[in-house]
Structure formats: C-alpha cells, structure tokens
Amino acid sequence: MTKYSGAGWLQRSLGPGRSLSPFGIRVANVLGQVYRGIYHIDSAVLKKGMFWDEPWVLPVNVSGGLATFDFDELTRLVFCCQQAGIGVDICGCPWAYTKLLFSAKRPTIGQIFQSKDDGILSPNSCDPEGDFLAFANKMLSIRDGGKVLWVTDRSQAYSVDAVEWHPLQLLVNECHQHSIRASLTGRSSHSLEAVFSQRSNEPGLSTYDRHPTLEQHRKELERIINIDYESFE
C-alpha cells in the first residue's frame, strides 16, 4: 500500500498549540491520498483559518476542479471517503477554487440500498445514450433551466448546484458505468461547472479517449485506497 503525506505532515506543519481531531485526521489523510500528498494543496488554505480540531464538519477549498478520470481526483475522493467512513459535498467557490465540505461518518450508497428503498436512483438506472442533458438532469441539479454553458464535438458543460455526498457517489458510479468523464469545478459561491464527455473503456485507447469501469479503476487505485485513515503515519 502507498500512503502519501497527510495528517502527520499537517500536524508537524501546524506547529504548537494546534491539533487535529480524529475526524480531522481522517480528512487530512483522505486529502493526502487524493492529491498524492496534502502539501500539494495551497498551504494558506491548509494552515490559515482552518480548524482541524473540528469534530463534525471541515470545509477545504482546493484550486481548480476534480474529474473522474484523466486527472481522477473526483473518483479518488469518493473511494477514499467511503473507505475512511466520512462524507463530502462539492460546492461552488469563487476565484477558481472548489469547496470540499467534509462531514463526519455518513452512510455510503451501498449501505442505503441495503437498508431501505427510499426512491434514490439505483446504480444502473441512468442510460445517457449520448444525451448529456438528460444524464446530467438525472444526476445533478442543473441551474438556469438546464442552460448549456458550452458545447464541443465531444463534450458539454452545465451550471449546477452543489453536489451532495449521496448524488456524488451515484455520479461517479454512473460515469464509470457509461464511460463518461465528468469534472466539477467551482464557478461562483453558488454554482459549479459540470463538464461531461463521452469516452470508451475499450482496451488500447489513449488516456484522452479512455474511461475505465468502476471495477477497473478501483483495482488500479487499490494500493492507494486501502490505508489506515485514522493514524498520523
């Protein structure tokens, strides 16, 4: 297993008089795995105005956005949070940042499906068939009446509301099932830019054209996901 610098590095960097709660330790270790070292996140974000001793909720602003593959921080984030037993919402943020709102232990989609039928989309219920607007409407809350921000020959972008933990897990699941790359990037304090592009899981393709299945990607990331999230080292 590969454990990148997370809670241990952060604790040493914060200096005397500041500490991490057990929840803060798990968040820091998740960020370390997602970004291949927590020090790759803006140090001002990590150290100034952050209360790592909070027991329940921690907001962290990260530069740029997150995607499901070809820079796969979005999928890594979901996998690692599921393993660490915490949840995360992705929210809009100005100045080219995206807000990750971590919260203490929340059930995974799998646990919800096992416990009750509450009308949530099943993991296999979306079939976009190239209709990104229909796909996005099922997975996310689209702003501005479904107005498309921009379109290219292989992708479309929408303005969407914050994506909460349960829809986020479904989004990642569906994108890997249908070989659709998704990225979420903060546009303002109230909205995200969601970009979808159709790809394929056929072998031998370039990274730009490929998108692995959930099982393929989980196997690729197994050594990164399965770590001890509750320890400093």
Protein backbone atom coordinates (compact mmCIF):
# COMPACT_ATOMS: atom_id res chain seq x y z
CA MET A 1 0.00 0.00 0.00
CA THR A 2 1.08 3.56 -0.67
CA LYS A 3 0.28 6.18 1.97
CA TYR A 4 1.08 9.72 0.92
CA SER A 5 1.78 12.54 3.38
CA GLY A 6 -1.44 13.51 5.14
CA ALA A 7 -2.27 14.02 8.82
CA GLY A 8 1.30 13.51 10.06
CA TRP A 9 2.73 16.13 7.70
CA LEU A 10 -0.10 18.54 8.51
CA GLN A 11 0.32 18.19 12.28
CA ARG A 12 4.04 18.96 12.02
CA SER A 13 3.30 21.96 9.80
CA LEU A 14 0.62 23.48 12.02
CA GLY A 15 3.04 23.96 14.88
CA PRO A 16 2.49 24.05 18.66
CA GLY A 17 -0.91 24.78 20.12
CA ARG A 18 -2.87 23.40 17.17
CA SER A 19 -4.08 19.84 16.81
CA LEU A 20 -6.26 17.58 14.68
CA SER A 21 -9.41 15.87 15.90
CA PRO A 22 -9.90 12.18 14.99
CA PHE A 23 -12.21 13.44 12.23
CA GLY A 24 -9.59 15.98 11.11
CA ILE A 25 -7.01 13.20 10.89
CA ARG A 26 -9.24 11.21 8.55
CA VAL A 27 -9.92 14.26 6.37
CA ALA A 28 -6.20 15.08 6.13
CA ASN A 29 -5.35 11.50 5.19
CA VAL A 30 -8.07 11.45 2.54
CA LEU A 31 -6.66 14.67 1.04
CA GLY A 32 -3.18 13.19 1.12
CA GLN A 33 -4.31 10.18 -0.90
CA VAL A 34 -6.40 12.20 -3.34
CA TYR A 35 -3.67 14.75 -4.12
CA ARG A 36 -0.66 12.44 -3.69
CA GLY A 37 0.46 14.46 -0.69
CA ILE A 38 -1.58 17.01 1.24
CA TYR A 39 1.19 19.56 0.67
CA HIS A 40 0.03 19.87 -2.95
CA ILE A 41 -2.97 21.83 -1.65
CA ASP A 42 -2.47 25.58 -1.16
CA SER A 43 -0.62 25.89 2.17
CA ALA A 44 -2.57 29.04 3.06
CA VAL A 45 -5.79 27.06 2.76
CA LEU A 46 -4.46 24.29 5.00
CA LYS A 47 -2.99 26.44 7.75
CA LYS A 48 -4.83 29.78 7.96
CA GLY A 49 -8.39 29.91 9.22
CA MET A 50 -8.74 26.13 9.28
CA PHE A 51 -9.98 24.42 12.42
CA TRP A 52 -8.62 20.91 12.10
CA ASP A 53 -9.83 20.06 15.60
CA GLU A 54 -13.49 20.28 14.49
CA PRO A 55 -15.35 17.03 15.26
CA TRP A 56 -18.06 17.10 12.60
CA VAL A 57 -17.56 19.38 9.57
CA LEU A 58 -14.48 20.68 7.71
CA PRO A 59 -14.55 22.86 4.57
CA VAL A 60 -11.42 22.78 2.39
CA ASN A 61 -11.02 24.95 -0.72
CA VAL A 62 -8.92 23.37 -3.47
CA SER A 63 -7.58 25.02 -6.58
CA GLY A 64 -9.28 24.05 -9.84
CA GLY A 65 -11.71 21.15 -10.20
CA LEU A 66 -11.94 17.38 -9.86
CA ALA A 67 -12.63 14.73 -12.52
CA THR A 68 -13.47 11.04 -12.67
CA PHE A 69 -10.50 10.10 -14.90
CA ASP A 70 -7.55 11.61 -16.76
CA PHE A 71 -6.77 13.51 -13.54
CA ASP A 72 -9.01 11.32 -11.39
CA GLU A 73 -9.26 13.26 -8.13
CA LEU A 74 -13.07 13.03 -8.10
CA THR A 75 -13.09 9.23 -8.19
CA ARG A 76 -10.20 9.06 -5.72
CA LEU A 77 -12.11 11.38 -3.39
CA VAL A 78 -15.23 9.19 -3.40
CA PHE A 79 -13.28 5.94 -2.99
CA CYS A 80 -11.15 7.30 -0.14
CA CYS A 81 -14.07 8.90 1.72
CA GLN A 82 -16.02 5.65 1.52
CA GLN A 83 -13.04 3.80 2.94
CA ALA A 84 -12.43 6.42 5.65
CA GLY A 85 -16.08 6.45 6.74
CA ILE A 86 -16.70 10.14 6.06
CA GLY A 87 -18.76 12.08 3.53
CA VAL A 88 -18.04 15.06 1.30
CA ASP A 89 -20.17 17.56 -0.61
CA ILE A 90 -18.70 19.51 -3.53
CA CYS A 91 -19.73 23.16 -3.60
CA GLY A 92 -19.13 26.24 -5.67
CA CYS A 93 -16.42 28.69 -4.71
CA PRO A 94 -15.11 31.89 -6.37
CA TRP A 95 -11.58 32.67 -7.52
CA ALA A 96 -11.02 29.37 -9.38
CA TYR A 97 -11.42 27.27 -6.22
CA THR A 98 -13.77 24.37 -5.47
CA LYS A 99 -15.06 23.79 -1.94
CA LEU A 100 -14.91 20.28 -0.45
CA LEU A 101 -17.24 20.15 2.54
CA PHE A 102 -16.29 17.09 4.59
CA SER A 103 -18.63 15.72 7.24
CA ALA A 104 -18.33 13.01 9.88
CA LYS A 105 -19.44 9.48 9.18
CA ARG A 106 -22.29 9.22 6.69
CA PRO A 107 -23.57 6.07 5.01
CA THR A 108 -22.41 5.03 1.56
CA ILE A 109 -24.86 4.50 -1.27
CA GLY A 110 -24.40 0.74 -0.89
CA GLN A 111 -25.44 0.91 2.76
CA ILE A 112 -28.53 2.95 1.86
CA PHE A 113 -29.58 0.45 -0.81
CA GLN A 114 -29.18 -2.38 1.69
CA SER A 115 -31.13 -0.65 4.44
CA LYS A 116 -34.19 0.77 2.67
CA ASP A 117 -35.82 1.73 -0.61
CA ASP A 118 -36.16 5.49 -0.46
CA GLY A 119 -36.60 6.27 -4.13
CA ILE A 120 -32.96 7.08 -4.83
CA LEU A 121 -31.82 6.16 -8.33
CA SER A 122 -30.41 2.66 -8.47
CA PRO A 123 -26.75 2.48 -9.59
CA ASN A 124 -27.82 1.15 -13.01
CA SER A 125 -30.81 3.39 -13.68
CA CYS A 126 -29.28 6.04 -15.96
CA ASP A 127 -28.73 5.42 -19.65
CA PRO A 128 -27.49 8.66 -21.20
CA GLU A 129 -27.18 7.34 -24.79
CA GLY A 130 -25.18 10.44 -25.66
CA ASP A 131 -27.84 12.79 -24.25
CA PHE A 132 -25.73 14.62 -21.70
CA LEU A 133 -28.55 16.94 -20.66
CA ALA A 134 -30.82 14.02 -19.75
CA PHE A 135 -27.93 12.33 -17.98
CA ALA A 136 -26.98 15.47 -16.06
CA ASN A 137 -30.59 16.19 -15.12
CA LYS A 138 -30.87 12.74 -13.54
CA MET A 139 -27.59 13.02 -11.67
CA LEU A 140 -27.36 16.69 -10.70
CA SER A 141 -29.45 19.77 -10.00
CA ILE A 142 -28.92 21.86 -13.12
CA ARG A 143 -29.19 25.62 -12.76
CA ASP A 144 -30.65 28.14 -15.23
CA GLY A 145 -33.29 25.76 -16.59
CA GLY A 146 -30.75 23.34 -18.00
CA LYS A 147 -28.88 26.00 -19.97
CA VAL A 148 -25.75 24.61 -21.60
CA LEU A 149 -22.67 26.71 -20.85
CA TRP A 150 -20.75 25.49 -23.88
CA VAL A 151 -20.58 22.58 -26.35
CA THR A 152 -17.77 20.96 -28.34
CA ASP A 153 -17.78 17.95 -30.65
CA ARG A 154 -17.27 15.62 -27.68
CA SER A 155 -18.36 17.39 -24.50
CA GLN A 156 -20.94 19.68 -22.90
CA ALA A 157 -20.88 21.87 -19.80
CA TYR A 158 -23.66 22.90 -17.41
CA SER A 159 -24.06 25.13 -14.39
CA VAL A 160 -25.11 23.00 -11.41
CA ASP A 161 -25.80 23.36 -7.72
CA ALA A 162 -23.63 21.85 -5.01
CA VAL A 163 -23.36 18.06 -5.30
CA GLU A 164 -24.07 16.31 -2.01
CA TRP A 165 -22.48 13.07 -0.84
CA HIS A 166 -25.14 10.60 -1.98
CA PRO A 167 -25.64 12.02 -5.52
CA LEU A 168 -21.86 12.36 -5.79
CA GLN A 169 -21.40 8.62 -5.27
CA LEU A 170 -24.09 7.90 -7.84
CA LEU A 171 -22.50 10.32 -10.31
CA VAL A 172 -19.11 8.60 -10.09
CA ASN A 173 -20.74 5.18 -10.37
CA GLU A 174 -22.77 6.13 -13.46
CA CYS A 175 -19.89 7.88 -15.20
CA HIS A 176 -17.70 4.80 -14.90
CA GLN A 177 -20.53 2.52 -15.97
CA HIS A 178 -21.21 4.53 -19.13
CA SER A 179 -17.62 5.62 -19.85
CA ILE A 180 -18.45 9.30 -19.36
CA ARG A 181 -15.78 11.56 -17.96
CA ALA A 182 -17.20 14.14 -15.54
CA SER A 183 -15.46 17.11 -13.98
CA LEU A 184 -16.74 19.55 -11.35
CA THR A 185 -15.19 22.99 -10.92
CA GLY A 186 -16.27 25.96 -8.83
CA ARG A 187 -17.67 28.87 -10.90
CA SER A 188 -19.06 31.05 -8.11
CA SER A 189 -20.05 30.72 -4.47
CA HIS A 190 -23.40 29.32 -5.65
CA SER A 191 -22.61 27.11 -8.64
CA LEU A 192 -20.31 24.53 -10.18
CA GLU A 193 -19.36 23.92 -13.78
CA ALA A 194 -20.10 20.28 -14.65
CA VAL A 195 -18.47 19.00 -17.85
CA PHE A 196 -19.36 15.64 -19.42
CA SER A 197 -17.53 13.94 -22.29
CA GLN A 198 -18.19 10.54 -23.83
CA ARG A 199 -15.29 8.10 -23.83
CA SER A 200 -14.79 4.32 -24.02
CA ASN A 201 -13.49 1.51 -21.82
CA GLU A 202 -12.17 -0.47 -24.79
CA PRO A 203 -8.54 -1.62 -24.28
CA GLY A 204 -5.65 0.00 -26.10
CA LEU A 205 -7.06 3.53 -26.21
CA SER A 206 -5.12 6.65 -25.28
CA THR A 207 -5.81 8.27 -21.90
CA TYR A 208 -7.67 11.07 -23.70
CA ASP A 209 -10.17 8.59 -25.19
CA ARG A 210 -10.36 6.08 -22.33
CA HIS A 211 -12.54 5.85 -19.24
CA PRO A 212 -12.26 2.69 -17.10
CA THR A 213 -15.17 0.88 -15.47
CA LEU A 214 -15.64 1.31 -11.73
CA GLU A 215 -14.14 -2.14 -11.09
CA GLN A 216 -11.15 -1.45 -13.33
CA HIS A 217 -10.45 1.88 -11.67
CA ARG A 218 -10.90 0.53 -8.15
CA LYS A 219 -8.34 -2.16 -8.95
CA GLU A 220 -5.94 0.43 -10.37
CA LEU A 221 -6.27 2.52 -7.19
CA GLU A 222 -6.40 -0.35 -4.67
CA ARG A 223 -2.96 0.32 -3.20
CA ILE A 224 -3.89 3.99 -2.64
CA ILE A 225 -7.39 3.50 -1.23
CA ASN A 226 -6.75 0.78 1.34
CA ILE A 227 -4.73 2.58 4.01
CA ASP A 228 -5.17 3.42 7.70
CA TYR A 229 -7.04 6.73 7.71
CA GLU A 230 -7.06 7.09 11.50
CA SER A 231 -3.31 7.32 12.14
CA PHE A 232 -0.79 10.12 11.70
CA GLU A 233 1.71 7.94 9.83
